N, C-alpha and C. Protein backbone atom coordinates (compact mmCIF):
# COMPACT_ATOMS: atom_id res chain seq x y z
N MET A 1 -0.32 -10.49 -1.32
CA MET A 1 -0.51 -9.27 -2.09
C MET A 1 0.85 -8.60 -2.30
N ASN A 2 1.14 -8.18 -3.53
CA ASN A 2 2.35 -7.42 -3.83
C ASN A 2 2.16 -5.98 -3.38
N THR A 3 3.26 -5.31 -3.10
CA THR A 3 3.21 -3.92 -2.67
C THR A 3 4.02 -3.05 -3.61
N LEU A 4 3.42 -1.95 -4.07
CA LEU A 4 4.11 -0.96 -4.88
C LEU A 4 4.34 0.26 -4.00
N LYS A 5 5.59 0.54 -3.68
CA LYS A 5 5.92 1.69 -2.83
C LYS A 5 6.25 2.88 -3.72
N ILE A 6 5.61 4.00 -3.44
CA ILE A 6 5.87 5.24 -4.17
C ILE A 6 6.54 6.19 -3.20
N LYS A 7 7.70 6.68 -3.59
CA LYS A 7 8.46 7.60 -2.73
C LYS A 7 8.62 8.92 -3.47
N TRP A 8 8.30 10.01 -2.78
CA TRP A 8 8.55 11.32 -3.38
C TRP A 8 9.27 12.19 -2.37
N GLN A 9 10.02 13.14 -2.89
CA GLN A 9 10.81 14.00 -2.02
C GLN A 9 10.25 15.41 -2.07
N ARG A 10 10.35 16.10 -0.94
CA ARG A 10 9.85 17.47 -0.88
C ARG A 10 10.78 18.36 -0.07
N LEU A 11 10.62 19.64 -0.26
CA LEU A 11 11.42 20.63 0.45
C LEU A 11 10.56 21.29 1.51
N LEU A 12 11.09 21.37 2.72
CA LEU A 12 10.40 22.09 3.79
C LEU A 12 11.05 23.44 3.99
N ILE A 13 10.22 24.48 4.11
CA ILE A 13 10.70 25.82 4.42
C ILE A 13 9.98 26.24 5.69
N ASN A 14 10.75 26.44 6.75
CA ASN A 14 10.17 26.78 8.06
C ASN A 14 9.12 25.76 8.48
N GLY A 15 9.40 24.50 8.24
CA GLY A 15 8.51 23.43 8.65
C GLY A 15 7.29 23.20 7.77
N LYS A 16 7.20 23.94 6.65
CA LYS A 16 6.06 23.79 5.74
C LYS A 16 6.56 23.35 4.37
N THR A 17 5.71 22.61 3.67
CA THR A 17 6.05 22.16 2.32
C THR A 17 6.13 23.36 1.39
N CYS A 18 7.18 23.41 0.55
CA CYS A 18 7.33 24.52 -0.39
C CYS A 18 6.18 24.48 -1.41
N PRO A 19 5.85 25.62 -2.04
CA PRO A 19 4.71 25.68 -2.96
C PRO A 19 4.80 24.68 -4.12
N ARG A 20 5.97 24.51 -4.72
CA ARG A 20 6.09 23.57 -5.84
C ARG A 20 5.89 22.13 -5.38
N CYS A 21 6.43 21.80 -4.22
CA CYS A 21 6.26 20.44 -3.70
C CYS A 21 4.81 20.20 -3.30
N LYS A 22 4.13 21.23 -2.83
CA LYS A 22 2.72 21.11 -2.47
C LYS A 22 1.89 20.74 -3.69
N LEU A 23 2.21 21.35 -4.85
CA LEU A 23 1.50 21.01 -6.09
C LEU A 23 1.73 19.55 -6.46
N THR A 24 2.97 19.09 -6.30
CA THR A 24 3.27 17.69 -6.57
C THR A 24 2.49 16.78 -5.63
N GLU A 25 2.42 17.17 -4.37
CA GLU A 25 1.67 16.38 -3.39
C GLU A 25 0.20 16.25 -3.79
N GLU A 26 -0.39 17.35 -4.24
CA GLU A 26 -1.79 17.33 -4.67
C GLU A 26 -1.98 16.41 -5.87
N GLU A 27 -1.06 16.47 -6.83
CA GLU A 27 -1.12 15.58 -8.00
C GLU A 27 -0.98 14.12 -7.56
N LEU A 28 -0.07 13.89 -6.65
CA LEU A 28 0.20 12.53 -6.19
C LEU A 28 -1.03 11.92 -5.52
N GLU A 29 -1.74 12.71 -4.74
CA GLU A 29 -2.94 12.21 -4.08
C GLU A 29 -3.97 11.74 -5.10
N LYS A 30 -4.13 12.50 -6.20
CA LYS A 30 -5.06 12.09 -7.26
C LYS A 30 -4.56 10.82 -7.94
N ASP A 31 -3.26 10.78 -8.19
CA ASP A 31 -2.68 9.65 -8.92
C ASP A 31 -2.76 8.35 -8.13
N ILE A 32 -2.58 8.43 -6.83
CA ILE A 32 -2.67 7.23 -5.99
C ILE A 32 -4.07 6.64 -6.11
N SER A 33 -5.07 7.49 -6.13
CA SER A 33 -6.45 7.03 -6.27
C SER A 33 -6.64 6.31 -7.60
N ILE A 34 -6.09 6.86 -8.68
CA ILE A 34 -6.19 6.23 -10.01
C ILE A 34 -5.47 4.89 -10.02
N LEU A 35 -4.25 4.88 -9.50
CA LEU A 35 -3.47 3.64 -9.49
C LEU A 35 -4.16 2.55 -8.69
N LYS A 36 -4.77 2.90 -7.56
CA LYS A 36 -5.47 1.90 -6.75
C LYS A 36 -6.60 1.25 -7.54
N GLN A 37 -7.31 2.05 -8.34
CA GLN A 37 -8.41 1.50 -9.14
C GLN A 37 -7.91 0.42 -10.11
N TYR A 38 -6.74 0.64 -10.69
CA TYR A 38 -6.19 -0.30 -11.66
C TYR A 38 -5.45 -1.47 -11.00
N LEU A 39 -4.74 -1.18 -9.92
CA LEU A 39 -3.82 -2.18 -9.38
C LEU A 39 -4.39 -3.04 -8.26
N ASN A 40 -5.30 -2.51 -7.45
CA ASN A 40 -5.87 -3.32 -6.37
C ASN A 40 -6.54 -4.60 -6.89
N PRO A 41 -7.29 -4.54 -8.01
CA PRO A 41 -7.88 -5.78 -8.53
C PRO A 41 -6.83 -6.82 -8.96
N LEU A 42 -5.60 -6.36 -9.20
CA LEU A 42 -4.52 -7.27 -9.59
C LEU A 42 -3.75 -7.77 -8.38
N GLY A 43 -4.22 -7.39 -7.18
CA GLY A 43 -3.55 -7.84 -5.96
C GLY A 43 -2.32 -7.03 -5.61
N ILE A 44 -2.28 -5.77 -6.07
CA ILE A 44 -1.14 -4.89 -5.79
C ILE A 44 -1.60 -3.75 -4.89
N GLU A 45 -0.98 -3.65 -3.73
CA GLU A 45 -1.29 -2.59 -2.77
C GLU A 45 -0.37 -1.40 -3.03
N ILE A 46 -0.91 -0.19 -2.95
CA ILE A 46 -0.12 1.03 -3.15
C ILE A 46 0.22 1.61 -1.79
N ILE A 47 1.50 1.88 -1.58
CA ILE A 47 1.96 2.57 -0.37
C ILE A 47 2.75 3.78 -0.82
N CYS A 48 2.37 4.95 -0.35
CA CYS A 48 3.06 6.18 -0.73
C CYS A 48 3.79 6.73 0.49
N ARG A 49 5.08 6.99 0.32
CA ARG A 49 5.90 7.51 1.41
C ARG A 49 6.49 8.86 1.01
N THR A 50 6.56 9.75 1.97
CA THR A 50 7.13 11.07 1.75
C THR A 50 8.53 11.13 2.33
N ILE A 51 9.45 11.66 1.55
CA ILE A 51 10.82 11.86 2.02
C ILE A 51 11.08 13.36 2.09
N LYS A 52 11.52 13.84 3.23
CA LYS A 52 11.85 15.26 3.40
C LYS A 52 13.34 15.44 3.16
N VAL A 53 13.70 16.37 2.28
CA VAL A 53 15.10 16.63 1.97
C VAL A 53 15.35 18.11 2.21
N GLY A 54 16.21 18.41 3.18
CA GLY A 54 16.44 19.77 3.63
C GLY A 54 16.70 20.84 2.61
N ASN A 55 17.75 20.73 1.78
CA ASN A 55 18.16 21.84 0.93
C ASN A 55 17.91 21.63 -0.56
N ARG A 56 17.15 20.63 -0.93
CA ARG A 56 16.91 20.36 -2.36
C ARG A 56 15.51 20.78 -2.76
N VAL A 57 15.38 21.31 -3.96
CA VAL A 57 14.10 21.74 -4.50
C VAL A 57 13.69 20.79 -5.62
N TYR A 58 12.47 20.30 -5.59
CA TYR A 58 11.96 19.40 -6.62
C TYR A 58 10.80 20.07 -7.34
N GLU A 59 10.83 20.06 -8.66
CA GLU A 59 9.77 20.65 -9.47
C GLU A 59 8.52 19.78 -9.38
N THR A 60 7.38 20.35 -9.70
CA THR A 60 6.13 19.61 -9.74
C THR A 60 6.21 18.52 -10.79
N ILE A 61 5.79 17.35 -10.45
CA ILE A 61 5.80 16.22 -11.38
C ILE A 61 4.40 16.09 -11.97
N PRO A 62 4.26 16.09 -13.30
CA PRO A 62 2.93 15.97 -13.91
C PRO A 62 2.26 14.64 -13.54
N ALA A 63 0.95 14.69 -13.36
CA ALA A 63 0.18 13.51 -12.96
C ALA A 63 0.39 12.34 -13.91
N GLU A 64 0.43 12.61 -15.20
CA GLU A 64 0.56 11.52 -16.18
C GLU A 64 1.86 10.76 -16.01
N LEU A 65 2.93 11.44 -15.61
CA LEU A 65 4.21 10.75 -15.41
C LEU A 65 4.18 9.87 -14.17
N ILE A 66 3.49 10.32 -13.14
CA ILE A 66 3.39 9.53 -11.91
C ILE A 66 2.59 8.26 -12.19
N VAL A 67 1.47 8.40 -12.91
CA VAL A 67 0.66 7.23 -13.23
C VAL A 67 1.45 6.27 -14.12
N LYS A 68 2.14 6.80 -15.12
CA LYS A 68 2.93 5.95 -16.02
C LYS A 68 3.99 5.18 -15.24
N ALA A 69 4.70 5.87 -14.35
CA ALA A 69 5.74 5.21 -13.55
C ALA A 69 5.13 4.13 -12.66
N GLY A 70 3.98 4.42 -12.08
CA GLY A 70 3.32 3.44 -11.23
C GLY A 70 2.90 2.20 -12.00
N LEU A 71 2.35 2.40 -13.19
CA LEU A 71 1.93 1.26 -14.01
C LEU A 71 3.13 0.44 -14.48
N LEU A 72 4.22 1.10 -14.85
CA LEU A 72 5.42 0.37 -15.26
C LEU A 72 6.00 -0.44 -14.10
N ALA A 73 6.01 0.15 -12.91
CA ALA A 73 6.53 -0.56 -11.74
C ALA A 73 5.62 -1.75 -11.41
N ALA A 74 4.32 -1.57 -11.54
CA ALA A 74 3.38 -2.65 -11.26
C ALA A 74 3.56 -3.79 -12.26
N LEU A 75 3.86 -3.47 -13.50
CA LEU A 75 4.11 -4.49 -14.52
C LEU A 75 5.26 -5.39 -14.10
N GLN A 76 6.28 -4.80 -13.50
CA GLN A 76 7.41 -5.59 -13.01
C GLN A 76 6.98 -6.53 -11.89
N LEU A 77 6.06 -6.08 -11.03
CA LEU A 77 5.55 -6.94 -9.96
C LEU A 77 4.75 -8.11 -10.52
N ILE A 78 3.97 -7.85 -11.56
CA ILE A 78 3.14 -8.89 -12.16
C ILE A 78 4.00 -9.95 -12.83
N LYS A 79 5.12 -9.54 -13.42
CA LYS A 79 6.00 -10.46 -14.13
C LYS A 79 6.72 -11.43 -13.21
N LYS A 80 6.77 -11.13 -11.90
CA LYS A 80 7.50 -11.98 -10.95
C LYS A 80 6.89 -13.34 -10.83
């Protein structure tokens, strides 16, 4: 089985995820579910990893961009 690793970065403030990163996390959870529906039948496992970055702020990433990026990355796995 091929593996598609998804990495996202977030900002912690006093040990808690910042509000904008929390929104991205919520979108990502939905997107992982969608990607699994499409990619698991193709033999591609989804692994999502969180990266904590101390002083950087990341804006919320729209769900459609996360799904698009996941599908494009999976296409590269299929072509191998």
